[in-house]
Protein backbone atom coordinates (compact mmCIF):
# COMPACT_ATOMS: atom_id res chain seq x y z
CA MET A 1 0.00 0.00 0.00
CA SER A 2 1.29 3.47 -0.83
CA SER A 3 2.32 6.04 1.74
CA GLY A 4 -0.66 8.16 0.68
CA GLU A 5 -3.11 5.39 1.52
CA GLU A 6 -1.44 4.79 4.87
CA ALA A 7 -1.70 8.46 5.75
CA ALA A 8 -5.29 8.55 4.60
CA GLY A 9 -6.40 5.99 7.08
CA GLY A 10 -5.02 2.54 7.57
CA SER A 11 -3.86 -0.77 6.35
CA GLY A 12 -5.32 -4.23 6.00
CA PRO A 13 -5.80 -7.07 3.60
CA ARG A 14 -5.41 -5.72 0.10
CA GLY A 15 -8.37 -7.50 -1.45
CA GLY A 16 -10.91 -7.19 1.35
CA ASN A 17 -10.48 -3.48 2.02
CA ARG A 18 -10.34 -2.13 -1.51
CA PRO A 19 -13.76 -0.33 -1.49
CA SER A 20 -13.03 1.35 1.84
CA SER A 21 -9.57 2.30 0.55
CA TYR A 22 -11.23 4.06 -2.38
CA VAL A 23 -13.53 5.90 0.03
CA ARG A 24 -10.59 6.93 2.19
CA GLY A 25 -8.68 8.05 -0.88
CA ASP A 26 -11.59 10.16 -2.10
CA THR A 27 -12.03 11.66 1.37
CA ALA A 28 -8.34 12.54 1.47
CA LYS A 29 -8.54 14.19 -1.97
CA ARG A 30 -11.54 16.27 -0.92
CA ARG A 31 -9.74 17.36 2.22
CA ILE A 32 -6.61 18.27 0.27
CA LEU A 33 -8.62 20.30 -2.26
CA ASP A 34 -10.47 22.21 0.48
CA VAL A 35 -7.22 23.05 2.27
CA ALA A 36 -5.39 23.92 -0.97
CA MET A 37 -8.17 26.31 -1.97
CA GLU A 38 -7.72 28.16 1.30
CA GLU A 39 -3.93 28.21 1.06
CA PHE A 40 -3.87 29.38 -2.57
CA ALA A 41 -6.49 32.02 -1.77
CA GLU A 42 -4.55 33.32 1.24
CA ARG A 43 -0.98 33.02 -0.08
CA GLY A 44 -1.23 32.71 -3.84
CA TYR A 45 0.36 29.94 -5.86
CA TRP A 46 3.94 31.02 -5.27
CA GLY A 47 3.48 31.58 -1.54
CA ALA A 48 1.54 28.40 -0.78
CA SER A 49 3.52 25.46 0.59
CA LEU A 50 2.83 21.82 -0.20
CA MET A 51 4.24 20.94 3.22
CA GLU A 52 1.70 23.21 4.92
CA ILE A 53 -1.16 21.94 2.76
CA ALA A 54 -0.17 18.38 3.66
CA ARG A 55 0.06 19.22 7.38
CA ARG A 56 -3.37 20.86 7.42
CA SER A 57 -4.77 17.90 5.47
CA GLN A 58 -3.39 15.54 8.12
CA LEU A 59 -1.09 13.89 5.60
CA SER A 60 2.61 13.58 5.04
CA LYS A 61 3.99 15.40 2.00
CA PRO A 62 4.55 12.03 0.23
CA GLY A 63 0.95 11.19 1.11
CA LEU A 64 -0.26 14.38 -0.56
CA LEU A 65 1.92 13.72 -3.61
CA HIS A 66 0.35 10.28 -3.91
CA HIS A 67 -2.92 12.04 -4.80
CA PHE A 68 -1.49 15.09 -6.61
CA PRO A 69 2.02 14.47 -8.01
CA SER A 70 3.07 18.14 -8.07
CA LYS A 71 2.07 21.59 -6.87
CA GLN A 72 1.02 22.47 -10.41
CA ALA A 73 -1.18 19.36 -10.62
CA LEU A 74 -2.81 20.37 -7.35
CA LEU A 75 -3.44 23.88 -8.67
CA VAL A 76 -5.06 22.48 -11.81
CA ALA A 77 -7.33 20.28 -9.67
CA VAL A 78 -8.22 23.27 -7.48
CA THR A 79 -9.18 25.45 -10.45
CA VAL A 80 -11.29 22.63 -11.92
CA GLU A 81 -13.04 22.16 -8.57
CA ARG A 82 -13.64 25.89 -8.26
CA ASP A 83 -15.23 25.98 -11.71
CA LEU A 84 -17.48 23.05 -10.81
CA ARG A 85 -18.63 24.82 -7.67
CA ASP A 86 -19.21 27.97 -9.73
CA ARG A 87 -21.43 26.06 -12.16
CA HIS A 88 -23.34 24.57 -9.26
CA GLY A 89 -23.88 28.05 -7.83
CA MET A 90 -25.42 29.21 -11.11
CA GLY A 91 -28.35 26.85 -10.60
CA VAL A 92 -28.73 26.15 -14.34
CA ALA A 93 -28.16 22.80 -16.05
CA ASP A 94 -26.97 24.31 -19.36
CA ILE A 95 -25.80 27.87 -18.89
CA PHE A 96 -25.20 28.37 -22.61
CA ALA A 97 -28.89 27.65 -23.27
CA LEU A 98 -29.89 30.85 -21.44
CA ARG A 99 -31.51 33.46 -23.65
CA GLY A 100 -31.85 37.19 -23.20
CA LEU A 101 -32.20 38.75 -19.79
CA ARG A 102 -32.36 35.36 -18.07
CA ILE A 103 -28.58 35.66 -18.01
CA LEU A 104 -28.93 38.55 -15.55
CA ASP A 105 -31.20 36.43 -13.34
CA MET A 106 -28.51 33.75 -13.26
CA LEU A 107 -25.75 36.26 -12.47
CA ASP A 108 -27.87 37.68 -9.64
CA ARG A 109 -28.07 34.18 -8.14
CA LEU A 110 -24.35 33.63 -8.64
CA VAL A 111 -23.47 36.84 -6.80
CA GLU A 112 -25.73 35.79 -3.93
CA ARG A 113 -23.93 32.45 -3.84
CA ASN A 114 -20.49 34.09 -4.02
CA ALA A 115 -21.30 36.28 -1.04
CA GLU A 116 -21.50 33.08 1.00
CA ARG A 117 -18.10 31.75 -0.12
CA PRO A 118 -15.50 34.52 0.03
CA GLY A 119 -12.65 32.00 -0.05
CA LEU A 120 -13.50 30.82 -3.57
CA VAL A 121 -13.95 34.39 -4.78
CA GLN A 122 -10.61 35.38 -3.28
CA LEU A 123 -8.94 32.35 -4.86
CA SER A 124 -10.09 33.41 -8.31
CA HIS A 125 -8.90 36.99 -7.89
CA VAL A 126 -5.55 36.10 -6.33
CA LEU A 127 -4.71 33.64 -9.10
CA ALA A 128 -5.88 36.07 -11.79
CA ALA A 129 -3.66 38.82 -10.36
CA GLU A 130 -0.66 36.51 -10.02
CA SER A 131 -0.99 35.21 -13.57
CA VAL A 132 -1.13 38.59 -15.33
CA GLY A 133 2.48 38.29 -16.46
CA GLY A 134 1.80 34.98 -18.18
CA ASP A 135 4.54 32.94 -16.45
CA HIS A 136 2.13 31.20 -14.11
CA PRO A 137 0.47 27.76 -14.11
CA ALA A 138 -2.97 29.38 -13.86
CA ALA A 139 -2.42 31.92 -16.65
CA GLU A 140 -4.31 29.98 -19.31
CA HIS A 141 -7.12 29.15 -16.90
CA SER A 142 -7.51 32.83 -15.96
CA ARG A 143 -7.65 33.89 -19.61
CA ARG A 144 -10.19 31.17 -20.35
CA HIS A 145 -12.25 32.19 -17.31
CA PHE A 146 -12.75 35.72 -18.64
CA THR A 147 -13.16 34.61 -22.26
CA ASP A 148 -15.82 32.06 -21.32
CA ALA A 149 -17.63 34.56 -19.08
CA ARG A 150 -17.82 37.16 -21.85
CA ARG A 151 -18.92 34.52 -24.37
CA LEU A 152 -21.61 33.21 -22.04
CA VAL A 153 -23.13 36.65 -21.49
CA ARG A 154 -22.75 37.72 -25.13
CA THR A 155 -24.42 34.54 -26.42
CA ALA A 156 -27.42 35.04 -24.14
CA LEU A 157 -27.75 38.71 -25.07
CA GLU A 158 -27.54 37.94 -28.79
CA ALA A 159 -30.27 35.34 -28.37
CA GLY A 160 -32.36 37.96 -26.59
CA ALA A 161 -31.82 40.39 -29.43
CA GLU A 162 -32.94 37.73 -31.93
CA ASP A 163 -36.06 37.10 -29.85
CA GLY A 164 -36.89 40.80 -29.79
CA GLU A 165 -36.48 40.98 -26.02
CA LEU A 166 -33.71 43.58 -26.26
CA ARG A 167 -34.06 46.90 -27.95
CA PRO A 168 -32.38 47.31 -31.35
CA GLY A 169 -28.86 48.65 -31.75
CA ILE A 170 -27.22 47.09 -28.68
CA ASP A 171 -23.61 45.96 -29.07
CA CYS A 172 -23.92 42.62 -27.25
CA ALA A 173 -20.18 41.95 -27.18
CA GLN A 174 -19.42 45.31 -25.62
CA LEU A 175 -22.26 45.00 -23.12
CA ALA A 176 -21.08 41.51 -22.12
CA THR A 177 -17.61 42.90 -21.41
CA GLN A 178 -19.14 45.66 -19.28
CA ILE A 179 -21.26 43.20 -17.27
CA VAL A 180 -18.30 40.91 -16.55
CA ALA A 181 -16.17 43.93 -15.60
CA ALA A 182 -18.86 45.20 -13.24
CA MET A 183 -19.15 41.83 -11.54
CA GLU A 184 -15.39 41.27 -11.20
CA GLY A 185 -14.70 44.83 -10.06
CA LEU A 186 -17.46 44.67 -7.46
CA GLU A 187 -16.02 41.42 -6.12
CA ASN A 188 -12.63 43.12 -5.74
CA GLN A 189 -14.15 45.98 -3.74
CA TRP A 190 -16.11 43.53 -1.59
CA LEU A 191 -13.01 41.45 -0.85
CA ALA A 192 -11.12 44.59 0.19
CA GLU A 193 -13.93 46.08 2.30
CA PRO A 194 -16.65 43.51 2.99
CA GLU A 195 -18.26 45.64 5.70
CA ALA A 196 -18.45 48.70 3.46
CA VAL A 197 -19.60 47.07 0.22
CA ASP A 198 -22.89 45.18 0.01
CA MET A 199 -22.00 43.20 -3.09
CA VAL A 200 -25.40 41.57 -3.50
CA ALA A 201 -27.42 44.77 -3.13
CA VAL A 202 -25.16 46.78 -5.44
CA PHE A 203 -25.12 44.12 -8.16
CA HIS A 204 -28.88 43.63 -7.97
CA ALA A 205 -29.36 47.39 -8.36
CA TYR A 206 -26.99 47.35 -11.34
CA THR A 207 -28.83 44.52 -13.12
CA ARG A 208 -32.21 46.04 -12.32
CA ASP A 209 -31.20 49.32 -13.96
CA LEU A 210 -29.60 47.43 -16.84
CA ARG A 211 -32.80 45.53 -17.57
CA GLU A 212 -34.68 48.80 -17.86
CA ARG A 213 -32.05 50.25 -20.21
CA VAL A 214 -31.82 47.34 -22.63
CA ARG A 215 -35.29 45.78 -22.64
CA ALA A 216 -37.31 46.44 -25.79
CA VAL A 217 -40.28 48.75 -25.39
CA PRO A 218 -43.44 47.00 -26.64
CA GLY A 219 -44.77 48.50 -29.85
CA SER A 220 -41.71 50.61 -30.56
CA ALA A 221 -38.69 50.15 -32.81
CA ASP A 222 -35.75 52.49 -32.96
CA PRO A 223 -32.97 51.10 -35.10
CA GLY A 224 -30.86 54.14 -34.35
CA ALA A 225 -30.87 53.57 -30.59
CA GLN A 226 -27.48 52.95 -29.04
CA ASP A 227 -26.53 51.52 -25.65
């Protein structure tokens, strides 16, 4: 049995204990991921220590490396897990099937969810800031995060324009960039001053005003209108 399995919880006959070994292994992985998220969020990738992550996970460093063979592999697993939790927080089975202003309803729910998990929000912003220079294991993930976010919002807005839900003349790509920027910038302010910034209330006010600005007026058409 490997050192990782020993650290995760015991030894015994190889054949008879295999299912429980899998359970212990999965439990150890979940614990490592939870601790690593906190460490990367607090210290960044460069400042986080595998030794400290292992200690807090109640494992030896070799035990941790049994599950994640390198610090970079652990970071990749953490970013994947964060994205999965983000998708869960959106409360939508297929987010790219959203049309029109339903995208704002989903983002409202996501902000509410994010307000309850500051560690995950901080993780995203710390890694994004660290990876700006490009020489960072999370650089590609951070670029993809923003690209996918803009594409998600733009696709929904374009569908809303096709359905006649949005008023004519709106630049959906530009508006999507503005919405993502508003959300990310508000998160930054909230992380810096959580007592001073009510992230949920401010974002809800923003999307409420935005709906009024972009929603088509029944019975009117103004091709010259601009956002």
